[in-house]
PDB file of N, CA and C in Angstrom:
ATOM      1  N   UNK A   1      68.817 275.540 212.851  1.00  0.00           N
ATOM      2  CA  UNK A   1      70.040 276.314 212.709  1.00  0.00           C
ATOM      3  C   UNK A   1      70.894 275.807 211.556  1.00  0.00           C
ATOM      4  N   UNK A   2      70.752 274.558 211.153  1.00  0.00           N
ATOM      5  CA  UNK A   2      71.597 273.978 210.131  1.00  0.00           C
ATOM      6  C   UNK A   2      71.492 274.665 208.784  1.00  0.00           C
ATOM      7  N   UNK A   3      70.269 275.015 208.384  1.00  0.00           N
ATOM      8  CA  UNK A   3      70.101 275.625 207.067  1.00  0.00           C
ATOM      9  C   UNK A   3      70.711 277.025 207.035  1.00  0.00           C
ATOM     10  N   UNK A   4      70.622 277.746 208.137  1.00  0.00           N
ATOM     11  CA  UNK A   4      71.240 279.075 208.192  1.00  0.00           C
ATOM     12  C   UNK A   4      72.759 278.970 208.063  1.00  0.00           C
ATOM     13  N   UNK A   5      73.327 277.961 208.713  1.00  0.00           N
ATOM     14  CA  UNK A   5      74.773 277.739 208.632  1.00  0.00           C
ATOM     15  C   UNK A   5      75.196 277.430 207.197  1.00  0.00           C
ATOM     16  N   UNK A   6      74.389 276.614 206.510  1.00  0.00           N
ATOM     17  CA  UNK A   6      74.696 276.261 205.127  1.00  0.00           C
ATOM     18  C   UNK A   6      74.625 277.487 204.219  1.00  0.00           C
ATOM     19  N   UNK A   7      73.599 278.329 204.421  1.00  0.00           N
ATOM     20  CA  UNK A   7      73.478 279.543 203.613  1.00  0.00           C
ATOM     21  C   UNK A   7      74.623 280.510 203.888  1.00  0.00           C
ATOM     22  N   UNK A   8      75.017 280.617 205.134  1.00  0.00           N
ATOM     23  CA  UNK A   8      76.140 281.479 205.503  1.00  0.00           C
ATOM     24  C   UNK A   8      77.422 281.000 204.822  1.00  0.00           C
ATOM     25  N   UNK A   9      77.629 279.693 204.835  1.00  0.00           N
ATOM     26  CA  UNK A   9      78.807 279.120 204.186  1.00  0.00           C
ATOM     27  C   UNK A   9      78.772 279.357 202.679  1.00  0.00           C
ATOM     28  N   UNK A  10      77.609 279.166 202.086  1.00  0.00           N
ATOM     29  CA  UNK A  10      77.474 279.379 200.638  1.00  0.00           C
ATOM     30  C   UNK A  10      77.720 280.840 200.289  1.00  0.00           C
ATOM     31  N   UNK A  11      77.270 281.753 201.140  1.00  0.00           N
ATOM     32  CA  UNK A  11      77.504 283.187 200.914  1.00  0.00           C
ATOM     33  C   UNK A  11      78.986 283.519 200.931  1.00  0.00           C
ATOM     34  N   UNK A  12      79.705 282.936 201.881  1.00  0.00           N
ATOM     35  CA  UNK A  12      81.153 283.158 201.945  1.00  0.00           C
ATOM     36  C   UNK A  12      81.852 282.618 200.707  1.00  0.00           C
ATOM     37  N   UNK A  13      81.439 281.439 200.270  1.00  0.00           N
ATOM     38  CA  UNK A  13      82.049 280.847 199.076  1.00  0.00           C
ATOM     39  C   UNK A  13      81.785 281.712 197.843  1.00  0.00           C
ATOM     40  N   UNK A  14      80.541 282.172 197.709  1.00  0.00           N
ATOM     41  CA  UNK A  14      80.176 282.998 196.558  1.00  0.00           C
ATOM     42  C   UNK A  14      80.920 284.327 196.557  1.00  0.00           C
ATOM     43  N   UNK A  15      80.962 284.972 197.720  1.00  0.00           N
ATOM     44  CA  UNK A  15      81.678 286.246 197.831  1.00  0.00           C
ATOM     45  C   UNK A  15      83.162 286.044 197.534  1.00  0.00           C
ATOM     46  N   UNK A  16      83.720 284.962 198.046  1.00  0.00           N
ATOM     47  CA  UNK A  16      85.127 284.669 197.795  1.00  0.00           C
ATOM     48  C   UNK A  16      85.415 284.428 196.328  1.00  0.00           C
ATOM     49  N   UNK A  17      84.525 283.697 195.676  1.00  0.00           N
ATOM     50  CA  UNK A  17      84.725 283.429 194.249  1.00  0.00           C
ATOM     51  C   UNK A  17      84.646 284.731 193.449  1.00  0.00           C
ATOM     52  N   UNK A  18      83.701 285.590 193.817  1.00  0.00           N
ATOM     53  CA  UNK A  18      83.579 286.883 193.134  1.00  0.00           C
ATOM     54  C   UNK A  18      84.847 287.713 193.325  1.00  0.00           C
ATOM     55  N   UNK A  19      85.357 287.773 194.551  1.00  0.00           N
ATOM     56  CA  UNK A  19      86.603 288.514 194.810  1.00  0.00           C
ATOM     57  C   UNK A  19      87.766 287.940 194.007  1.00  0.00           C
ATOM     58  N   UNK A  20      87.823 286.613 193.943  1.00  0.00           N
ATOM     59  CA  UNK A  20      88.909 285.974 193.193  1.00  0.00           C
ATOM     60  C   UNK A  20      88.833 286.336 191.699  1.00  0.00           C
ATOM     61  N   UNK A  21      87.632 286.251 191.128  1.00  0.00           N
ATOM     62  CA  UNK A  21      87.463 286.557 189.702  1.00  0.00           C
ATOM     63  C   UNK A  21      87.773 288.026 189.425  1.00  0.00           C
ATOM     64  N   UNK A  22      87.285 288.919 190.283  1.00  0.00           N
ATOM     65  CA  UNK A  22      87.567 290.351 190.100  1.00  0.00           C
ATOM     66  C   UNK A  22      89.056 290.619 190.239  1.00  0.00           C
ATOM     67  N   UNK A  23      89.677 289.963 191.208  1.00  0.00           N
ATOM     68  CA  UNK A  23      91.117 290.121 191.401  1.00  0.00           C
ATOM     69  C   UNK A  23      91.911 289.677 190.189  1.00  0.00           C
ATOM     70  N   UNK A  24      91.509 288.560 189.592  1.00  0.00           N
ATOM     71  CA  UNK A  24      92.196 288.078 188.394  1.00  0.00           C
ATOM     72  C   UNK A  24      91.966 289.027 187.219  1.00  0.00           C
ATOM     73  N   UNK A  25      90.739 289.535 187.101  1.00  0.00           N
ATOM     74  CA  UNK A  25      90.411 290.427 185.985  1.00  0.00           C
ATOM     75  C   UNK A  25      91.144 291.761 186.080  1.00  0.00           C
ATOM     76  N   UNK A  26      91.380 292.225 187.303  1.00  0.00           N
ATOM     77  CA  UNK A  26      92.038 293.518 187.506  1.00  0.00           C
ATOM     78  C   UNK A  26      93.516 293.366 187.845  1.00  0.00           C
ATOM     79  N   UNK A  27      94.005 292.133 187.806  1.00  0.00           N
ATOM     80  CA  UNK A  27      95.399 291.843 188.129  1.00  0.00           C
ATOM     81  C   UNK A  27      95.767 292.309 189.544  1.00  0.00           C
ATOM     82  N   UNK A  28      94.827 292.067 190.467  1.00  0.00           N
ATOM     83  CA  UNK A  28      94.997 292.448 191.875  1.00  0.00           C
ATOM     84  C   UNK A  28      95.208 291.160 192.690  1.00  0.00           C
ATOM     85  N   UNK A  29      96.475 290.798 192.877  1.00  0.00           N
ATOM     86  CA  UNK A  29      96.818 289.535 193.541  1.00  0.00           C
ATOM     87  C   UNK A  29      96.283 289.480 194.974  1.00  0.00           C
ATOM     88  N   UNK A  30      96.276 290.596 195.681  1.00  0.00           N
ATOM     89  CA  UNK A  30      95.792 290.584 197.065  1.00  0.00           C
ATOM     90  C   UNK A  30      94.291 290.262 197.105  1.00  0.00           C
ATOM     91  N   UNK A  31      93.541 290.724 196.109  1.00  0.00           N
ATOM     92  CA  UNK A  31      92.108 290.421 196.068  1.00  0.00           C
ATOM     93  C   UNK A  31      91.884 288.956 195.709  1.00  0.00           C
ATOM     94  N   UNK A  32      92.739 288.405 194.864  1.00  0.00           N
ATOM     95  CA  UNK A  32      92.648 286.978 194.542  1.00  0.00           C
ATOM     96  C   UNK A  32      92.873 286.158 195.811  1.00  0.00           C
ATOM     97  N   UNK A  33      93.892 286.507 196.560  1.00  0.00           N
ATOM     98  CA  UNK A  33      94.201 285.791 197.803  1.00  0.00           C
ATOM     99  C   UNK A  33      93.066 285.942 198.810  1.00  0.00           C
ATOM    100  N   UNK A  34      92.545 287.159 198.926  1.00  0.00           N
ATOM    101  CA  UNK A  34      91.415 287.401 199.836  1.00  0.00           C
ATOM    102  C   UNK A  34      90.221 286.546 199.422  1.00  0.00           C
ATOM    103  N   UNK A  35      89.970 286.448 198.125  1.00  0.00           N
ATOM    104  CA  UNK A  35      88.855 285.638 197.635  1.00  0.00           C
ATOM    105  C   UNK A  35      89.030 284.167 197.944  1.00  0.00           C
ATOM    106  N   UNK A  36      90.232 283.666 197.756  1.00  0.00           N
ATOM    107  CA  UNK A  36      90.493 282.254 198.055  1.00  0.00           C
ATOM    108  C   UNK A  36      90.348 281.978 199.545  1.00  0.00           C
ATOM    109  N   UNK A  37      90.788 282.925 200.361  1.00  0.00           N
ATOM    110  CA  UNK A  37      90.647 282.773 201.813  1.00  0.00           C
ATOM    111  C   UNK A  37      89.170 282.761 202.209  1.00  0.00           C
ATOM    112  N   UNK A  38      88.387 283.620 201.581  1.00  0.00           N
ATOM    113  CA  UNK A  38      86.948 283.678 201.868  1.00  0.00           C
ATOM    114  C   UNK A  38      86.272 282.356 201.468  1.00  0.00           C
ATOM    115  N   UNK A  39      86.691 281.798 200.350  1.00  0.00           N
ATOM    116  CA  UNK A  39      86.143 280.509 199.918  1.00  0.00           C
ATOM    117  C   UNK A  39      86.517 279.401 200.901  1.00  0.00           C
ATOM    118  N   UNK A  40      87.739 279.437 201.380  1.00  0.00           N
ATOM    119  CA  UNK A  40      88.178 278.438 202.364  1.00  0.00           C
ATOM    120  C   UNK A  40      87.370 278.573 203.654  1.00  0.00           C
ATOM    121  N   UNK A  41      87.119 279.805 204.061  1.00  0.00           N
ATOM    122  CA  UNK A  41      86.307 280.055 205.257  1.00  0.00           C
ATOM    123  C   UNK A  41      84.908 279.474 205.065  1.00  0.00           C
ATOM    124  N   UNK A  42      84.336 279.649 203.878  1.00  0.00           N
ATOM    125  CA  UNK A  42      83.025 279.080 203.578  1.00  0.00           C
ATOM    126  C   UNK A  42      83.037 277.568 203.614  1.00  0.00           C
ATOM    127  N   UNK A  43      84.102 276.972 203.105  1.00  0.00           N
ATOM    128  CA  UNK A  43      84.215 275.509 203.126  1.00  0.00           C
ATOM    129  C   UNK A  43      84.301 274.981 204.557  1.00  0.00           C
ATOM    130  N   UNK A  44      85.041 275.678 205.400  1.00  0.00           N
ATOM    131  CA  UNK A  44      85.141 275.270 206.808  1.00  0.00           C
ATOM    132  C   UNK A  44      83.774 275.392 207.480  1.00  0.00           C
ATOM    133  N   UNK A  45      83.077 276.489 207.237  1.00  0.00           N
ATOM    134  CA  UNK A  45      81.741 276.660 207.825  1.00  0.00           C
ATOM    135  C   UNK A  45      80.800 275.561 207.349  1.00  0.00           C
ATOM    136  N   UNK A  46      80.910 275.191 206.082  1.00  0.00           N
ATOM    137  CA  UNK A  46      80.077 274.133 205.517  1.00  0.00           C
ATOM    138  C   UNK A  46      80.348 272.809 206.220  1.00  0.00           C
ATOM    139  N   UNK A  47      81.615 272.492 206.431  1.00  0.00           N
ATOM    140  CA  UNK A  47      81.992 271.259 207.117  1.00  0.00           C
ATOM    141  C   UNK A  47      81.500 271.266 208.562  1.00  0.00           C
ATOM    142  N   UNK A  48      81.643 272.399 209.232  1.00  0.00           N
ATOM    143  CA  UNK A  48      81.164 272.511 210.621  1.00  0.00           C
ATOM    144  C   UNK A  48      79.652 272.304 210.679  1.00  0.00           C
ATOM    145  N   UNK A  49      78.922 272.864 209.728  1.00  0.00           N
ATOM    146  CA  UNK A  49      77.469 272.685 209.688  1.00  0.00           C
ATOM    147  C   UNK A  49      77.117 271.209 209.502  1.00  0.00           C
ATOM    148  N   UNK A  50      77.857 270.517 208.641  1.00  0.00           N
ATOM    149  CA  UNK A  50      77.616 269.087 208.431  1.00  0.00           C
ATOM    150  C   UNK A  50      77.885 268.288 209.700  1.00  0.00           C
ATOM    151  N   UNK A  51      78.975 268.610 210.382  1.00  0.00           N
ATOM    152  CA  UNK A  51      79.321 267.897 211.619  1.00  0.00           C
ATOM    153  C   UNK A  51      78.261 268.156 212.688  1.00  0.00           C
ATOM    154  N   UNK A  52      77.839 269.404 212.822  1.00  0.00           N
ATOM    155  CA  UNK A  52      76.799 269.734 213.806  1.00  0.00           C
ATOM    156  C   UNK A  52      75.516 268.963 213.520  1.00  0.00           C
ATOM    157  N   UNK A  53      75.143 268.885 212.255  1.00  0.00           N
ATOM    158  CA  UNK A  53      73.927 268.159 211.889  1.00  0.00           C
ATOM    159  C   UNK A  53      74.070 266.673 212.206  1.00  0.00           C
ATOM    160  N   UNK A  54      75.250 266.116 211.919  1.00  0.00           N
ATOM    161  CA  UNK A  54      75.482 264.700 212.198  1.00  0.00           C
ATOM    162  C   UNK A  54      75.437 264.418 213.701  1.00  0.00           C
ATOM    163  N   UNK A  55      76.060 265.268 214.480  1.00  0.00           N
ATOM    164  CA  UNK A  55      76.065 265.088 215.940  1.00  0.00           C
ATOM    165  C   UNK A  55      74.644 265.189 216.491  1.00  0.00           C
ATOM    166  N   UNK A  56      73.891 266.156 215.987  1.00  0.00           N
ATOM    167  CA  UNK A  56      72.507 266.321 216.444  1.00  0.00           C
ATOM    168  C   UNK A  56      71.685 265.088 216.096  1.00  0.00           C
ATOM    169  N   UNK A  57      71.821 264.587 214.858  1.00  0.00           N
ATOM    170  CA  UNK A  57      71.089 263.387 214.455  1.00  0.00           C
ATOM    171  C   UNK A  57      71.465 262.189 215.314  1.00  0.00           C
ATOM    172  N   UNK A  58      72.754 262.028 215.590  1.00  0.00           N
ATOM    173  CA  UNK A  58      73.210 260.914 216.422  1.00  0.00           C
ATOM    174  C   UNK A  58      72.653 261.024 217.838  1.00  0.00           C
ATOM    175  N   UNK A  59      72.646 262.227 218.377  1.00  0.00           N
ATOM    176  CA  UNK A  59      72.104 262.440 219.726  1.00  0.00           C
ATOM    177  C   UNK A  59      70.609 262.153 219.752  1.00  0.00           C
ATOM    178  N   UNK A  60      69.898 262.577 218.712  1.00  0.00           N
ATOM    179  CA  UNK A  60      68.457 262.316 218.641  1.00  0.00           C
ATOM    180  C   UNK A  60      68.178 260.810 218.564  1.00  0.00           C
ATOM    181  N   UNK A  61      68.980 260.095 217.765  1.00  0.00           N
ATOM    182  CA  UNK A  61      68.815 258.643 217.668  1.00  0.00           C
ATOM    183  C   UNK A  61      69.089 257.962 219.004  1.00  0.00           C
ATOM    184  N   UNK A  62      70.150 258.393 219.675  1.00  0.00           N
ATOM    185  CA  UNK A  62      70.491 257.802 220.973  1.00  0.00           C
ATOM    186  C   UNK A  62      69.382 258.068 221.989  1.00  0.00           C
ATOM    187  N   UNK A  63      68.848 259.277 221.948  1.00  0.00           N
ATOM    188  CA  UNK A  63      67.760 259.636 222.855  1.00  0.00           C
ATOM    189  C   UNK A  63      66.531 258.768 222.564  1.00  0.00           C
ATOM    190  N   UNK A  64      66.230 258.555 221.285  1.00  0.00           N
ATOM    191  CA  UNK A  64      65.083 257.733 220.908  1.00  0.00           C
ATOM    192  C   UNK A  64      65.299 256.277 221.311  1.00  0.00           C
ATOM    193  N   UNK A  65      66.510 255.769 221.122  1.00  0.00           N
ATOM    194  CA  UNK A  65      66.815 254.397 221.527  1.00  0.00           C
ATOM    195  C   UNK A  65      66.665 254.225 223.030  1.00  0.00           C
ATOM    196  N   UNK A  66      67.138 255.209 223.778  1.00  0.00           N
ATOM    197  CA  UNK A  66      67.033 255.159 225.238  1.00  0.00           C
ATOM    198  C   UNK A  66      65.562 255.185 225.655  1.00  0.00           C
ATOM    199  N   UNK A  67      64.751 255.980 224.969  1.00  0.00           N
ATOM    200  CA  UNK A  67      63.329 256.051 225.293  1.00  0.00           C
ATOM    201  C   UNK A  67      62.651 254.721 224.973  1.00  0.00           C
ATOM    202  N   UNK A  68      63.068 254.060 223.884  1.00  0.00           N
ATOM    203  CA  UNK A  68      62.499 252.759 223.542  1.00  0.00           C
ATOM    204  C   UNK A  68      62.831 251.722 224.610  1.00  0.00           C
ATOM    205  N   UNK A  69      64.038 251.773 225.150  1.00  0.00           N
ATOM    206  CA  UNK A  69      64.451 250.820 226.180  1.00  0.00           C
ATOM    207  C   UNK A  69      63.662 251.004 227.465  1.00  0.00           C
ATOM    208  N   UNK A  70      63.271 252.208 227.770  1.00  0.00           N
ATOM    209  CA  UNK A  70      62.552 252.461 229.025  1.00  0.00           C
ATOM    210  C   UNK A  70      61.076 252.136 228.901  1.00  0.00           C
ATOM    211  N   UNK A  71      60.581 251.873 227.683  1.00  0.00           N
ATOM    212  CA  UNK A  71      59.173 251.527 227.501  1.00  0.00           C
ATOM    213  C   UNK A  71      58.871 250.097 227.955  1.00  0.00           C
ATOM    214  N   UNK A  72      59.898 249.247 228.050  1.00  0.00           N
ATOM    215  CA  UNK A  72      59.717 247.861 228.450  1.00  0.00           C
ATOM    216  C   UNK A  72      59.719 247.797 229.973  1.00  0.00           C
ATOM    217  N   UNK A  73      58.644 247.261 230.548  1.00  0.00           N
ATOM    218  CA  UNK A  73      58.610 247.199 232.021  1.00  0.00           C
ATOM    219  C   UNK A  73      59.636 246.197 232.547  1.00  0.00           C
ATOM    220  N   UNK A  74      60.239 246.521 233.657  1.00  0.00           N
ATOM    221  CA  UNK A  74      61.230 245.656 234.295  1.00  0.00           C
ATOM    222  C   UNK A  74      60.507 244.547 235.039  1.00  0.00           C
ATOM    223  N   UNK A  75      60.882 243.283 234.746  1.00  0.00           N
ATOM    224  CA  UNK A  75      60.198 242.145 235.380  1.00  0.00           C
ATOM    225  C   UNK A  75      60.945 241.615 236.604  1.00  0.00           C
ATOM    226  N   UNK A  76      62.057 242.250 236.948  1.00  0.00           N
ATOM    227  CA  UNK A  76      62.783 241.847 238.131  1.00  0.00           C
ATOM    228  C   UNK A  76      63.804 240.762 237.905  1.00  0.00           C
ATOM    229  N   UNK A  77      63.828 240.150 236.730  1.00  0.00           N
ATOM    230  CA  UNK A  77      64.757 239.055 236.441  1.00  0.00           C
ATOM    231  C   UNK A  77      66.120 239.639 236.040  1.00  0.00           C
ATOM    232  N   UNK A  78      67.170 239.030 236.596  1.00  0.00           N
ATOM    233  CA  UNK A  78      68.521 239.448 236.251  1.00  0.00           C
ATOM    234  C   UNK A  78      68.975 238.662 235.022  1.00  0.00           C
ATOM    235  N   UNK A  79      69.275 239.354 233.925  1.00  0.00           N
ATOM    236  CA  UNK A  79      69.632 238.704 232.693  1.00  0.00           C
ATOM    237  C   UNK A  79      71.163 238.618 232.514  1.00  0.00           C
ATOM    238  N   UNK A  80      71.925 239.175 233.433  1.00  0.00           N
ATOM    239  CA  UNK A  80      73.385 239.173 233.316  1.00  0.00           C
ATOM    240  C   UNK A  80      74.001 237.902 233.851  1.00  0.00           C
ATOM    241  N   UNK A  81      75.221 237.625 233.413  1.00  0.00           N
ATOM    242  CA  UNK A  81      75.966 236.470 233.892  1.00  0.00           C
ATOM    243  C   UNK A  81      76.886 236.953 234.995  1.00  0.00           C
ATOM    244  N   UNK A  82      76.604 236.575 236.212  1.00  0.00           N
ATOM    245  CA  UNK A  82      77.372 237.074 237.360  1.00  0.00           C
ATOM    246  C   UNK A  82      78.378 236.038 237.871  1.00  0.00           C
ATOM    247  N   UNK A  83      78.631 234.977 237.136  1.00  0.00           N
ATOM    248  CA  UNK A  83      79.566 233.942 237.593  1.00  0.00           C
ATOM    249  C   UNK A  83      80.981 234.367 237.473  1.00  0.00           C
TER     250      UNK A  83
END
């Protein structure tokens, strides 16, 4: 899902930049503002995609670490300090 999110964000940024340039060329301030807003929306989507990818990677690492810990057989010895 991450790559689709990145492409969606890039599409918003590109569309926004096009609207901004057209707005400036035609002296249409509302289109310039709309374009900048679209670019901001793309930037937010891009950041969300990065955060989602980071969270997924962290969860995968934690899951792998937990699986590594369970591979060691328990010998019955208590290793904690209970004093």
